[in-house]
Amino acid sequence: MANVLVTGGAGYIGSHACKALKQAGYTPVTYDNLVTGWQDAVKFGPFEQGDLTDRGRLDEVFAQYKPVAVMHFAALSQVGEAMSEPGRYWANNVGGSLCLIEAAVAAGCLDFVFSSTCATYGEHDNVVLDENTPQQPLNAYGASKRAVEDILKDFEAAHGLRSVIFRYFNVAGADPEAEVGEFHQPETHLVPLMIQAIKGERAALTVFGTDYDTPDGTCIRDYVHVCDLVDAHILGLKWLEDGKGSRVFNLGTGTGFSVKEVLSHSHAVTNTEVPHVIGPRRAGDCTKLVSGSVRAGEELGWEPKRSTMDQMISDAWRWHQSGYYER
């Protein structure tokens, strides 16, 4: 089976991608420094520990496994931290990605699937965001991802590197079989925060801001199930294998949910009200981010099949009932 190098394969999305790759007939090779990832999540192929900024280690892994493609998930991704410590995001997300891209090109591995983000767009009120929406990131996280997109374009022009770039909206849910799931330390994502609050594993959830220009005053986001998301990555990999050119795709459902609406769905699924308090707005948070994902449907044949809010919360709830990873 052909090897695919998966950076960040011990993390939330990366571990689900490894399972999808194995099911699609590939061998996923996880490359992760375990700063935010979990070795317990590496279940579907070999594990190589290393940092993206370690060019010598990357060269060793490329030489050993000779991957046919890279799926690049490894990144720092906390908006609040990106606002207060932007240097970490430029050094890790941009510097590390540049090192990885140079190593891939040197090894002749020229198919590259990149995990980008809707945060590259910034805030566009009352606009459904598509791939042609101007990119005006509000924080170092979005800006660092946009910079990597630009690096990929430059390396295509210079070296023939082909890339599929996926700009995600909010990812939620977990593997329906509960083999892998979502767990961060610290946790910053809404669905696992809700579940942990329900289970008494943390204090009440904080709703950051109720004075946004939305029907109920809370931020609106477009949520996509992690399994639907990684299905798109398999389609993106096959797109490159078929010799098609570099392309950017949004991944979302086109349906937005406010924070209060997500809390309501959680109550319905778990039959328990989410303990929560109201806090001030967070710096860097946009009012509304909703995807136009028509291109992914028309060109990749992608169809989000599990991305209803009730299904995402139900799958996440099942995984959280099964226990957590250990370092």
C-alpha atoms as a PDB file:
ATOM      1  CA  MET A   1       0.000   0.000   0.000  1.00  0.00           C
ATOM      2  CA  ALA A   2       1.196   3.503  -0.803  1.00  0.00           C
ATOM      3  CA  ASN A   3       2.410   5.569   2.145  1.00  0.00           C
ATOM      4  CA  VAL A   4       0.995   9.013   2.953  1.00  0.00           C
ATOM      5  CA  LEU A   5       2.824  11.234   5.434  1.00  0.00           C
ATOM      6  CA  VAL A   6       0.316  12.744   7.870  1.00  0.00           C
ATOM      7  CA  THR A   7       1.691  15.601   9.936  1.00  0.00           C
ATOM      8  CA  GLY A   8      -0.311  16.090  13.101  1.00  0.00           C
ATOM      9  CA  GLY A   9      -1.654  12.562  12.737  1.00  0.00           C
ATOM     10  CA  ALA A  10      -1.845  12.225  16.525  1.00  0.00           C
ATOM     11  CA  GLY A  11      -4.249  15.157  16.741  1.00  0.00           C
ATOM     12  CA  TYR A  12      -7.998  15.419  16.383  1.00  0.00           C
ATOM     13  CA  ILE A  13      -8.469  15.778  12.628  1.00  0.00           C
ATOM     14  CA  GLY A  14      -5.226  14.045  11.716  1.00  0.00           C
ATOM     15  CA  SER A  15      -6.116  10.850  13.595  1.00  0.00           C
ATOM     16  CA  HIS A  16      -9.478  10.658  11.848  1.00  0.00           C
ATOM     17  CA  ALA A  17      -7.708  11.226   8.522  1.00  0.00           C
ATOM     18  CA  CYS A  18      -5.363   8.323   9.283  1.00  0.00           C
ATOM     19  CA  LYS A  19      -8.328   6.018   9.807  1.00  0.00           C
ATOM     20  CA  ALA A  20      -9.906   7.189   6.543  1.00  0.00           C
ATOM     21  CA  LEU A  21      -6.618   6.694   4.689  1.00  0.00           C
ATOM     22  CA  LYS A  22      -6.271   3.143   5.973  1.00  0.00           C
ATOM     23  CA  GLN A  23      -9.854   2.368   4.943  1.00  0.00           C
ATOM     24  CA  ALA A  24      -9.090   3.812   1.486  1.00  0.00           C
ATOM     25  CA  GLY A  25      -6.110   1.475   1.013  1.00  0.00           C
ATOM     26  CA  TYR A  26      -3.189   3.726   2.021  1.00  0.00           C
ATOM     27  CA  THR A  27      -0.713   3.410   4.883  1.00  0.00           C
ATOM     28  CA  PRO A  28      -0.787   6.605   6.957  1.00  0.00           C
ATOM     29  CA  VAL A  29       2.574   7.505   8.502  1.00  0.00           C
ATOM     30  CA  THR A  30       1.994   9.847  11.433  1.00  0.00           C
ATOM     31  CA  TYR A  31       4.605  12.548  12.030  1.00  0.00           C
ATOM     32  CA  ASP A  32       3.884  14.423  15.260  1.00  0.00           C
ATOM     33  CA  ASN A  33       5.826  16.072  18.076  1.00  0.00           C
ATOM     34  CA  LEU A  34       3.078  15.190  20.630  1.00  0.00           C
ATOM     35  CA  VAL A  35       2.962  18.751  21.964  1.00  0.00           C
ATOM     36  CA  THR A  36      -0.798  18.826  21.365  1.00  0.00           C
ATOM     37  CA  GLY A  37      -1.319  15.346  19.909  1.00  0.00           C
ATOM     38  CA  TRP A  38      -1.787  12.009  21.670  1.00  0.00           C
ATOM     39  CA  GLN A  39       0.165   8.850  20.935  1.00  0.00           C
ATOM     40  CA  ASP A  40      -2.920   6.822  21.926  1.00  0.00           C
ATOM     41  CA  ALA A  41      -4.604   8.278  18.839  1.00  0.00           C
ATOM     42  CA  VAL A  42      -2.054   6.677  16.487  1.00  0.00           C
ATOM     43  CA  LYS A  43      -3.781   3.402  15.655  1.00  0.00           C
ATOM     44  CA  PHE A  44      -3.773   3.024  11.889  1.00  0.00           C
ATOM     45  CA  GLY A  45      -0.147   3.074  10.763  1.00  0.00           C
ATOM     46  CA  PRO A  46       3.467   3.791  11.803  1.00  0.00           C
ATOM     47  CA  PHE A  47       4.364   6.633  14.161  1.00  0.00           C
ATOM     48  CA  GLU A  48       7.421   8.852  13.827  1.00  0.00           C
ATOM     49  CA  GLN A  49       7.992  11.488  16.481  1.00  0.00           C
ATOM     50  CA  GLY A  50       9.520  14.723  15.298  1.00  0.00           C
ATOM     51  CA  ASP A  51       9.084  18.456  14.915  1.00  0.00           C
ATOM     52  CA  LEU A  52       8.236  20.236  11.693  1.00  0.00           C
ATOM     53  CA  THR A  53      11.217  22.535  12.137  1.00  0.00           C
ATOM     54  CA  ASP A  54      13.652  19.582  12.275  1.00  0.00           C
ATOM     55  CA  ARG A  55      14.722  19.270   8.642  1.00  0.00           C
ATOM     56  CA  GLY A  56      17.086  16.390   9.304  1.00  0.00           C
ATOM     57  CA  ARG A  57      14.335  14.350  10.974  1.00  0.00           C
ATOM     58  CA  LEU A  58      11.937  15.092   8.130  1.00  0.00           C
ATOM     59  CA  ASP A  59      14.517  14.002   5.557  1.00  0.00           C
ATOM     60  CA  GLU A  60      14.975  10.702   7.443  1.00  0.00           C
ATOM     61  CA  VAL A  61      11.235  10.021   7.435  1.00  0.00           C
ATOM     62  CA  PHE A  62      10.821  10.864   3.748  1.00  0.00           C
ATOM     63  CA  ALA A  63      13.771   8.615   2.886  1.00  0.00           C
ATOM     64  CA  GLN A  64      12.455   5.718   5.002  1.00  0.00           C
ATOM     65  CA  TYR A  65       8.813   5.722   3.883  1.00  0.00           C
ATOM     66  CA  LYS A  66       8.929   7.365   0.425  1.00  0.00           C
ATOM     67  CA  PRO A  67       5.397   8.754   0.732  1.00  0.00           C
ATOM     68  CA  VAL A  68       3.389   9.455  -2.406  1.00  0.00           C
ATOM     69  CA  ALA A  69       1.770  12.488  -0.768  1.00  0.00           C
ATOM     70  CA  VAL A  70       1.677  14.665   2.339  1.00  0.00           C
ATOM     71  CA  MET A  71      -1.408  15.543   4.373  1.00  0.00           C
ATOM     72  CA  HIS A  72      -0.414  18.494   6.514  1.00  0.00           C
ATOM     73  CA  PHE A  73      -2.538  19.059   9.631  1.00  0.00           C
ATOM     74  CA  ALA A  74       0.101  19.998  12.216  1.00  0.00           C
ATOM     75  CA  ALA A  75      -0.402  23.562  13.473  1.00  0.00           C
ATOM     76  CA  LEU A  76      -1.120  25.736  16.466  1.00  0.00           C
ATOM     77  CA  SER A  77      -4.766  26.782  16.218  1.00  0.00           C
ATOM     78  CA  GLN A  78      -6.028  28.703  19.257  1.00  0.00           C
ATOM     79  CA  VAL A  79      -7.386  32.122  18.301  1.00  0.00           C
ATOM     80  CA  GLY A  80      -6.914  33.656  21.751  1.00  0.00           C
ATOM     81  CA  GLU A  81      -3.310  32.502  21.932  1.00  0.00           C
ATOM     82  CA  ALA A  82      -2.707  33.724  18.386  1.00  0.00           C
ATOM     83  CA  MET A  83      -3.781  37.194  19.476  1.00  0.00           C
ATOM     84  CA  SER A  84      -1.482  37.262  22.518  1.00  0.00           C
ATOM     85  CA  GLU A  85       1.477  35.272  21.160  1.00  0.00           C
ATOM     86  CA  PRO A  86       1.589  35.837  17.389  1.00  0.00           C
ATOM     87  CA  GLY A  87       5.277  34.988  17.162  1.00  0.00           C
ATOM     88  CA  ARG A  88       4.591  31.350  18.088  1.00  0.00           C
ATOM     89  CA  TYR A  89       2.135  31.101  15.199  1.00  0.00           C
ATOM     90  CA  TRP A  90       4.458  32.566  12.610  1.00  0.00           C
ATOM     91  CA  ALA A  91       7.387  30.437  13.797  1.00  0.00           C
ATOM     92  CA  ASN A  92       5.458  27.162  14.075  1.00  0.00           C
ATOM     93  CA  ASN A  93       2.765  27.353  11.415  1.00  0.00           C
ATOM     94  CA  VAL A  94       4.779  29.169   8.757  1.00  0.00           C
ATOM     95  CA  GLY A  95       8.348  28.212   9.604  1.00  0.00           C
ATOM     96  CA  GLY A  96       7.458  24.581  10.228  1.00  0.00           C
ATOM     97  CA  SER A  97       5.349  24.350   7.085  1.00  0.00           C
ATOM     98  CA  LEU A  98       8.124  25.853   4.970  1.00  0.00           C
ATOM     99  CA  CYS A  99      10.577  23.280   6.319  1.00  0.00           C
ATOM    100  CA  LEU A 100       8.112  20.470   5.541  1.00  0.00           C
ATOM    101  CA  ILE A 101       7.422  21.749   2.028  1.00  0.00           C
ATOM    102  CA  GLU A 102      11.140  22.033   1.264  1.00  0.00           C
ATOM    103  CA  ALA A 103      11.722  18.499   2.541  1.00  0.00           C
ATOM    104  CA  ALA A 104       8.833  17.144   0.450  1.00  0.00           C
ATOM    105  CA  VAL A 105      10.146  18.790  -2.710  1.00  0.00           C
ATOM    106  CA  ALA A 106      13.669  17.533  -2.041  1.00  0.00           C
ATOM    107  CA  ALA A 107      12.279  14.009  -1.701  1.00  0.00           C
ATOM    108  CA  GLY A 108      10.265  14.287  -4.923  1.00  0.00           C
ATOM    109  CA  CYS A 109       6.949  14.063  -3.041  1.00  0.00           C
ATOM    110  CA  LEU A 110       4.959  16.601  -5.026  1.00  0.00           C
ATOM    111  CA  ASP A 111       1.326  15.943  -3.996  1.00  0.00           C
ATOM    112  CA  PHE A 112       0.360  18.007  -0.960  1.00  0.00           C
ATOM    113  CA  VAL A 113      -2.986  18.259   0.846  1.00  0.00           C
ATOM    114  CA  PHE A 114      -3.078  21.229   3.208  1.00  0.00           C
ATOM    115  CA  SER A 115      -5.312  21.914   6.186  1.00  0.00           C
ATOM    116  CA  SER A 116      -6.138  25.620   5.984  1.00  0.00           C
ATOM    117  CA  THR A 117      -8.982  27.519   7.605  1.00  0.00           C
ATOM    118  CA  CYS A 118     -11.902  29.868   7.055  1.00  0.00           C
ATOM    119  CA  ALA A 119     -10.055  32.207   9.451  1.00  0.00           C
ATOM    120  CA  THR A 120      -8.073  33.365   6.418  1.00  0.00           C
ATOM    121  CA  TYR A 121     -11.186  35.255   5.288  1.00  0.00           C
ATOM    122  CA  GLY A 122     -11.602  37.378   8.397  1.00  0.00           C
ATOM    123  CA  GLU A 123     -14.976  38.985   8.960  1.00  0.00           C
ATOM    124  CA  HIS A 124     -17.445  39.576   6.108  1.00  0.00           C
ATOM    125  CA  ASP A 125     -20.818  40.360   7.640  1.00  0.00           C
ATOM    126  CA  ASN A 126     -23.882  38.720   6.097  1.00  0.00           C
ATOM    127  CA  VAL A 127     -21.835  37.107   3.320  1.00  0.00           C
ATOM    128  CA  VAL A 128     -21.670  33.401   2.507  1.00  0.00           C
ATOM    129  CA  LEU A 129     -17.953  32.830   2.075  1.00  0.00           C
ATOM    130  CA  ASP A 130     -16.702  31.075  -1.037  1.00  0.00           C
ATOM    131  CA  GLU A 131     -13.221  30.427  -2.346  1.00  0.00           C
ATOM    132  CA  ASN A 132     -13.083  33.816  -4.092  1.00  0.00           C
ATOM    133  CA  THR A 133     -13.935  35.844  -0.992  1.00  0.00           C
ATOM    134  CA  PRO A 134     -11.054  38.238  -0.162  1.00  0.00           C
ATOM    135  CA  GLN A 135      -8.745  36.917   2.526  1.00  0.00           C
ATOM    136  CA  GLN A 136      -8.446  39.439   5.362  1.00  0.00           C
ATOM    137  CA  PRO A 137      -7.469  37.449   8.490  1.00  0.00           C
ATOM    138  CA  LEU A 138      -8.010  39.059  11.883  1.00  0.00           C
ATOM    139  CA  ASN A 139      -5.350  37.147  13.826  1.00  0.00           C
ATOM    140  CA  ALA A 140      -2.009  35.402  13.501  1.00  0.00           C
ATOM    141  CA  TYR A 141      -3.656  31.992  13.169  1.00  0.00           C
ATOM    142  CA  GLY A 142      -5.562  32.938  10.018  1.00  0.00           C
ATOM    143  CA  ALA A 143      -2.654  34.998   8.717  1.00  0.00           C
ATOM    144  CA  SER A 144      -0.187  32.144   9.181  1.00  0.00           C
ATOM    145  CA  LYS A 145      -2.432  29.741   7.277  1.00  0.00           C
ATOM    146  CA  ARG A 146      -2.838  32.233   4.442  1.00  0.00           C
ATOM    147  CA  ALA A 147       0.952  32.583   4.314  1.00  0.00           C
ATOM    148  CA  VAL A 148       1.361  28.812   3.885  1.00  0.00           C
ATOM    149  CA  GLU A 149      -1.160  28.904   1.038  1.00  0.00           C
ATOM    150  CA  ASP A 150       1.061  31.503  -0.640  1.00  0.00           C
ATOM    151  CA  ILE A 151       4.169  29.381  -0.065  1.00  0.00           C
ATOM    152  CA  LEU A 152       2.471  26.423  -1.762  1.00  0.00           C
ATOM    153  CA  LYS A 153       1.689  28.558  -4.805  1.00  0.00           C
ATOM    154  CA  ASP A 154       5.295  29.722  -5.038  1.00  0.00           C
ATOM    155  CA  PHE A 155       6.620  26.165  -4.774  1.00  0.00           C
ATOM    156  CA  GLU A 156       4.244  25.064  -7.503  1.00  0.00           C
ATOM    157  CA  ALA A 157       5.631  27.725  -9.818  1.00  0.00           C
ATOM    158  CA  ALA A 158       9.234  26.895  -8.943  1.00  0.00           C
ATOM    159  CA  HIS A 159       9.173  23.129  -8.386  1.00  0.00           C
ATOM    160  CA  GLY A 160       5.905  21.691  -9.707  1.00  0.00           C
ATOM    161  CA  LEU A 161       4.432  21.013  -6.252  1.00  0.00           C
ATOM    162  CA  ARG A 162       0.692  20.296  -6.587  1.00  0.00           C
ATOM    163  CA  SER A 163      -1.623  21.129  -3.726  1.00  0.00           C
ATOM    164  CA  VAL A 164      -5.223  20.798  -2.654  1.00  0.00           C
ATOM    165  CA  ILE A 165      -6.000  23.388   0.014  1.00  0.00           C
ATOM    166  CA  PHE A 166      -9.014  22.906   2.269  1.00  0.00           C
ATOM    167  CA  ARG A 167     -10.346  25.906   4.168  1.00  0.00           C
ATOM    168  CA  TYR A 168     -12.283  24.433   7.072  1.00  0.00           C
ATOM    169  CA  PHE A 169     -15.124  25.888   8.977  1.00  0.00           C
ATOM    170  CA  ASN A 170     -15.836  24.609  12.519  1.00  0.00           C
ATOM    171  CA  VAL A 171     -15.074  20.904  12.860  1.00  0.00           C
ATOM    172  CA  ALA A 172     -17.029  18.798  15.364  1.00  0.00           C
ATOM    173  CA  GLY A 173     -18.079  15.228  16.080  1.00  0.00           C
ATOM    174  CA  ALA A 174     -16.012  12.069  16.397  1.00  0.00           C
ATOM    175  CA  ASP A 175     -15.449   8.674  14.841  1.00  0.00           C
ATOM    176  CA  PRO A 176     -18.816   6.827  15.050  1.00  0.00           C
ATOM    177  CA  GLU A 177     -16.964   3.723  16.267  1.00  0.00           C
ATOM    178  CA  ALA A 178     -15.305   5.803  19.032  1.00  0.00           C
ATOM    179  CA  GLU A 179     -11.777   4.667  18.116  1.00  0.00           C
ATOM    180  CA  VAL A 180     -10.585   8.279  18.026  1.00  0.00           C
ATOM    181  CA  GLY A 181     -12.157  11.547  19.061  1.00  0.00           C
ATOM    182  CA  GLU A 182     -11.608  15.159  20.058  1.00  0.00           C
ATOM    183  CA  PHE A 183      -9.572  16.012  23.141  1.00  0.00           C
ATOM    184  CA  HIS A 184      -7.312  19.020  23.570  1.00  0.00           C
ATOM    185  CA  GLN A 185      -5.418  20.376  26.560  1.00  0.00           C
ATOM    186  CA  PRO A 186      -6.445  23.078  27.074  1.00  0.00           C
ATOM    187  CA  GLU A 187      -9.795  22.462  25.412  1.00  0.00           C
ATOM    188  CA  THR A 188     -11.105  25.400  23.362  1.00  0.00           C
ATOM    189  CA  HIS A 189     -13.746  23.892  21.067  1.00  0.00           C
ATOM    190  CA  LEU A 190     -17.412  24.350  21.829  1.00  0.00           C
ATOM    191  CA  VAL A 191     -18.773  20.798  21.578  1.00  0.00           C
ATOM    192  CA  PRO A 192     -16.213  19.078  23.843  1.00  0.00           C
ATOM    193  CA  LEU A 193     -16.390  22.029  26.256  1.00  0.00           C
ATOM    194  CA  MET A 194     -20.156  21.539  26.489  1.00  0.00           C
ATOM    195  CA  ILE A 195     -19.791  17.818  27.093  1.00  0.00           C
ATOM    196  CA  GLN A 196     -17.139  18.290  29.755  1.00  0.00           C
ATOM    197  CA  ALA A 197     -19.355  20.846  31.508  1.00  0.00           C
ATOM    198  CA  ILE A 198     -22.316  18.463  31.396  1.00  0.00           C
ATOM    199  CA  LYS A 199     -20.192  15.671  32.884  1.00  0.00           C
ATOM    200  CA  GLY A 200     -18.873  17.923  35.634  1.00  0.00           C
ATOM    201  CA  GLU A 201     -15.308  17.650  34.367  1.00  0.00           C
ATOM    202  CA  ARG A 202     -14.927  21.414  34.195  1.00  0.00           C
ATOM    203  CA  ALA A 203     -16.652  24.532  35.443  1.00  0.00           C
ATOM    204  CA  ALA A 204     -19.615  25.958  33.597  1.00  0.00           C
ATOM    205  CA  LEU A 205     -19.083  26.766  29.913  1.00  0.00           C
ATOM    206  CA  THR A 206     -18.460  30.448  29.171  1.00  0.00           C
ATOM    207  CA  VAL A 207     -20.445  31.966  26.305  1.00  0.00           C
ATOM    208  CA  PHE A 208     -18.194  34.733  25.000  1.00  0.00           C
ATOM    209  CA  GLY A 209     -20.413  37.661  24.083  1.00  0.00           C
ATOM    210  CA  THR A 210     -24.170  37.977  23.653  1.00  0.00           C
ATOM    211  CA  ASP A 211     -24.181  41.378  21.946  1.00  0.00           C
ATOM    212  CA  TYR A 212     -23.223  40.336  18.411  1.00  0.00           C
ATOM    213  CA  ASP A 213     -25.407  41.391  15.493  1.00  0.00           C
ATOM    214  CA  THR A 214     -27.120  38.005  15.243  1.00  0.00           C
ATOM    215  CA  PRO A 215     -30.692  36.916  16.068  1.00  0.00           C
ATOM    216  CA  ASP A 216     -29.782  35.781  19.602  1.00  0.00           C
ATOM    217  CA  GLY A 217     -26.657  37.887  20.107  1.00  0.00           C
ATOM    218  CA  THR A 218     -24.140  35.016  19.987  1.00  0.00           C
ATOM    219  CA  CYS A 219     -21.614  34.198  17.274  1.00  0.00           C
ATOM    220  CA  ILE A 220     -22.701  32.058  14.332  1.00  0.00           C
ATOM    221  CA  ARG A 221     -20.484  29.329  12.910  1.00  0.00           C
ATOM    222  CA  ASP A 222     -20.755  26.666  10.212  1.00  0.00           C
ATOM    223  CA  TYR A 223     -20.090  23.193  11.671  1.00  0.00           C
ATOM    224  CA  VAL A 224     -18.894  20.168   9.689  1.00  0.00           C
ATOM    225  CA  HIS A 225     -18.497  16.609  10.981  1.00  0.00           C
ATOM    226  CA  VAL A 226     -14.872  15.503  11.235  1.00  0.00           C
ATOM    227  CA  CYS A 227     -15.611  12.307   9.273  1.00  0.00           C
ATOM    228  CA  ASP A 228     -17.135  14.297   6.424  1.00  0.00           C
ATOM    229  CA  LEU A 229     -14.118  16.576   6.529  1.00  0.00           C
ATOM    230  CA  VAL A 230     -11.582  13.755   6.202  1.00  0.00           C
ATOM    231  CA  ASP A 231     -13.637  12.159   3.435  1.00  0.00           C
ATOM    232  CA  ALA A 232     -12.948  15.343   1.479  1.00  0.00           C
ATOM    233  CA  HIS A 233      -9.222  14.863   2.088  1.00  0.00           C
ATOM    234  CA  ILE A 234      -9.324  11.404   0.534  1.00  0.00           C
ATOM    235  CA  LEU A 235     -11.115  12.912  -2.468  1.00  0.00           C
ATOM    236  CA  GLY A 236      -8.481  15.660  -2.591  1.00  0.00           C
ATOM    237  CA  LEU A 237      -5.696  13.092  -2.573  1.00  0.00           C
ATOM    238  CA  LYS A 238      -7.322  11.205  -5.441  1.00  0.00           C
ATOM    239  CA  TRP A 239      -7.788  14.526  -7.274  1.00  0.00           C
ATOM    240  CA  LEU A 240      -4.016  14.993  -7.233  1.00  0.00           C
ATOM    241  CA  GLU A 241      -3.352  11.347  -8.129  1.00  0.00           C
ATOM    242  CA  ASP A 242      -5.539  11.819 -11.200  1.00  0.00           C
ATOM    243  CA  GLY A 243      -3.230  14.590 -12.370  1.00  0.00           C
ATOM    244  CA  LYS A 244      -5.603  17.457 -11.770  1.00  0.00           C
ATOM    245  CA  GLY A 245      -4.215  20.855 -10.904  1.00  0.00           C
ATOM    246  CA  SER A 246      -3.877  22.655  -7.611  1.00  0.00           C
ATOM    247  CA  ARG A 247      -7.204  23.783  -6.179  1.00  0.00           C
ATOM    248  CA  VAL A 248      -8.741  25.457  -3.126  1.00  0.00           C
ATOM    249  CA  PHE A 249     -11.942  24.128  -1.559  1.00  0.00           C
ATOM    250  CA  ASN A 250     -14.075  25.385   1.304  1.00  0.00           C
ATOM    251  CA  LEU A 251     -15.430  22.685   3.615  1.00  0.00           C
ATOM    252  CA  GLY A 252     -18.635  23.524   5.449  1.00  0.00           C
ATOM    253  CA  THR A 253     -22.348  22.908   5.135  1.00  0.00           C
ATOM    254  CA  GLY A 254     -23.614  26.399   4.332  1.00  0.00           C
ATOM    255  CA  THR A 255     -25.717  26.333   7.502  1.00  0.00           C
ATOM    256  CA  GLY A 256     -24.785  28.424  10.502  1.00  0.00           C
ATOM    257  CA  PHE A 257     -25.593  27.779  14.158  1.00  0.00           C
ATOM    258  CA  SER A 258     -25.289  30.315  16.957  1.00  0.00           C
ATOM    259  CA  VAL A 259     -23.648  29.342  20.232  1.00  0.00           C
ATOM    260  CA  LYS A 260     -27.027  29.342  21.943  1.00  0.00           C
ATOM    261  CA  GLU A 261     -28.476  27.103  19.225  1.00  0.00           C
ATOM    262  CA  VAL A 262     -25.644  24.601  19.732  1.00  0.00           C
ATOM    263  CA  LEU A 263     -26.364  24.590  23.468  1.00  0.00           C
ATOM    264  CA  SER A 264     -30.011  23.861  22.715  1.00  0.00           C
ATOM    265  CA  HIS A 265     -29.117  20.921  20.438  1.00  0.00           C
ATOM    266  CA  SER A 266     -26.775  19.567  23.089  1.00  0.00           C
ATOM    267  CA  HIS A 267     -29.586  19.657  25.641  1.00  0.00           C
ATOM    268  CA  ALA A 268     -31.815  17.716  23.240  1.00  0.00           C
ATOM    269  CA  VAL A 269     -29.185  15.041  22.500  1.00  0.00           C
ATOM    270  CA  THR A 270     -27.873  14.490  26.032  1.00  0.00           C
ATOM    271  CA  ASN A 271     -31.098  15.272  27.885  1.00  0.00           C
ATOM    272  CA  THR A 272     -29.051  17.529  30.139  1.00  0.00           C
ATOM    273  CA  GLU A 273     -28.850  21.310  30.170  1.00  0.00           C
ATOM    274  CA  VAL A 274     -25.367  22.684  29.576  1.00  0.00           C
ATOM    275  CA  PRO A 275     -24.139  24.628  32.639  1.00  0.00           C
ATOM    276  CA  HIS A 276     -23.005  27.987  31.279  1.00  0.00           C
ATOM    277  CA  VAL A 277     -22.248  31.578  32.171  1.00  0.00           C
ATOM    278  CA  ILE A 278     -22.033  34.706  30.048  1.00  0.00           C
ATOM    279  CA  GLY A 279     -18.663  36.360  29.501  1.00  0.00           C
ATOM    280  CA  PRO A 280     -17.320  39.243  27.411  1.00  0.00           C
ATOM    281  CA  ARG A 281     -16.391  38.935  23.762  1.00  0.00           C
ATOM    282  CA  ARG A 282     -13.041  37.375  22.918  1.00  0.00           C
ATOM    283  CA  ALA A 283     -10.587  39.373  20.827  1.00  0.00           C
ATOM    284  CA  GLY A 284     -10.347  38.028  17.297  1.00  0.00           C
ATOM    285  CA  ASP A 285     -13.779  36.380  17.167  1.00  0.00           C
ATOM    286  CA  CYS A 286     -15.854  37.079  14.046  1.00  0.00           C
ATOM    287  CA  THR A 287     -19.611  37.632  14.189  1.00  0.00           C
ATOM    288  CA  LYS A 288     -20.529  35.076  11.526  1.00  0.00           C
ATOM    289  CA  LEU A 289     -18.637  32.526   9.435  1.00  0.00           C
ATOM    290  CA  VAL A 290     -20.704  30.433   7.024  1.00  0.00           C
ATOM    291  CA  SER A 291     -19.320  28.475   4.092  1.00  0.00           C
ATOM    292  CA  GLY A 292     -20.207  28.287   0.480  1.00  0.00           C
ATOM    293  CA  SER A 293     -18.973  24.759  -0.344  1.00  0.00           C
ATOM    294  CA  VAL A 294     -20.499  24.392  -3.795  1.00  0.00           C
ATOM    295  CA  ARG A 295     -17.113  23.857  -5.449  1.00  0.00           C
ATOM    296  CA  ALA A 296     -16.259  20.847  -3.274  1.00  0.00           C
ATOM    297  CA  GLY A 297     -19.579  19.251  -4.160  1.00  0.00           C
ATOM    298  CA  GLU A 298     -19.416  19.942  -7.868  1.00  0.00           C
ATOM    299  CA  GLU A 299     -15.732  19.207  -8.498  1.00  0.00           C
ATOM    300  CA  LEU A 300     -14.768  16.657  -5.826  1.00  0.00           C
ATOM    301  CA  GLY A 301     -18.166  15.017  -5.496  1.00  0.00           C
ATOM    302  CA  TRP A 302     -18.032  15.721  -1.760  1.00  0.00           C
ATOM    303  CA  GLU A 303     -21.226  15.364   0.225  1.00  0.00           C
ATOM    304  CA  PRO A 304     -21.327  15.958   4.005  1.00  0.00           C
ATOM    305  CA  LYS A 305     -23.397  13.024   5.246  1.00  0.00           C
ATOM    306  CA  ARG A 306     -23.045  13.261   9.033  1.00  0.00           C
ATOM    307  CA  SER A 307     -22.947  17.034   9.467  1.00  0.00           C
ATOM    308  CA  THR A 308     -26.226  17.622  11.269  1.00  0.00           C
ATOM    309  CA  MET A 309     -25.772  19.268  14.650  1.00  0.00           C
ATOM    310  CA  ASP A 310     -27.533  16.430  16.475  1.00  0.00           C
ATOM    311  CA  GLN A 311     -25.316  13.809  14.791  1.00  0.00           C
ATOM    312  CA  MET A 312     -22.111  15.700  15.535  1.00  0.00           C
ATOM    313  CA  ILE A 313     -23.013  16.098  19.199  1.00  0.00           C
ATOM    314  CA  SER A 314     -24.223  12.486  19.449  1.00  0.00           C
ATOM    315  CA  ASP A 315     -20.974  11.073  18.017  1.00  0.00           C
ATOM    316  CA  ALA A 316     -18.879  13.351  20.232  1.00  0.00           C
ATOM    317  CA  TRP A 317     -20.949  12.357  23.286  1.00  0.00           C
ATOM    318  CA  ARG A 318     -20.398   8.650  22.532  1.00  0.00           C
ATOM    319  CA  TRP A 319     -16.640   9.114  22.264  1.00  0.00           C
ATOM    320  CA  HIS A 320     -16.429  11.175  25.458  1.00  0.00           C
ATOM    321  CA  GLN A 321     -18.281   8.420  27.276  1.00  0.00           C
ATOM    322  CA  SER A 322     -15.539   5.984  26.214  1.00  0.00           C
ATOM    323  CA  GLY A 323     -12.650   7.772  27.944  1.00  0.00           C
ATOM    324  CA  TYR A 324      -9.679   9.921  27.040  1.00  0.00           C
ATOM    325  CA  TYR A 325      -6.193   9.515  25.681  1.00  0.00           C
ATOM    326  CA  GLU A 326      -3.123   9.323  27.874  1.00  0.00           C
ATOM    327  CA  ARG A 327       0.279  10.725  27.075  1.00  0.00           C
END
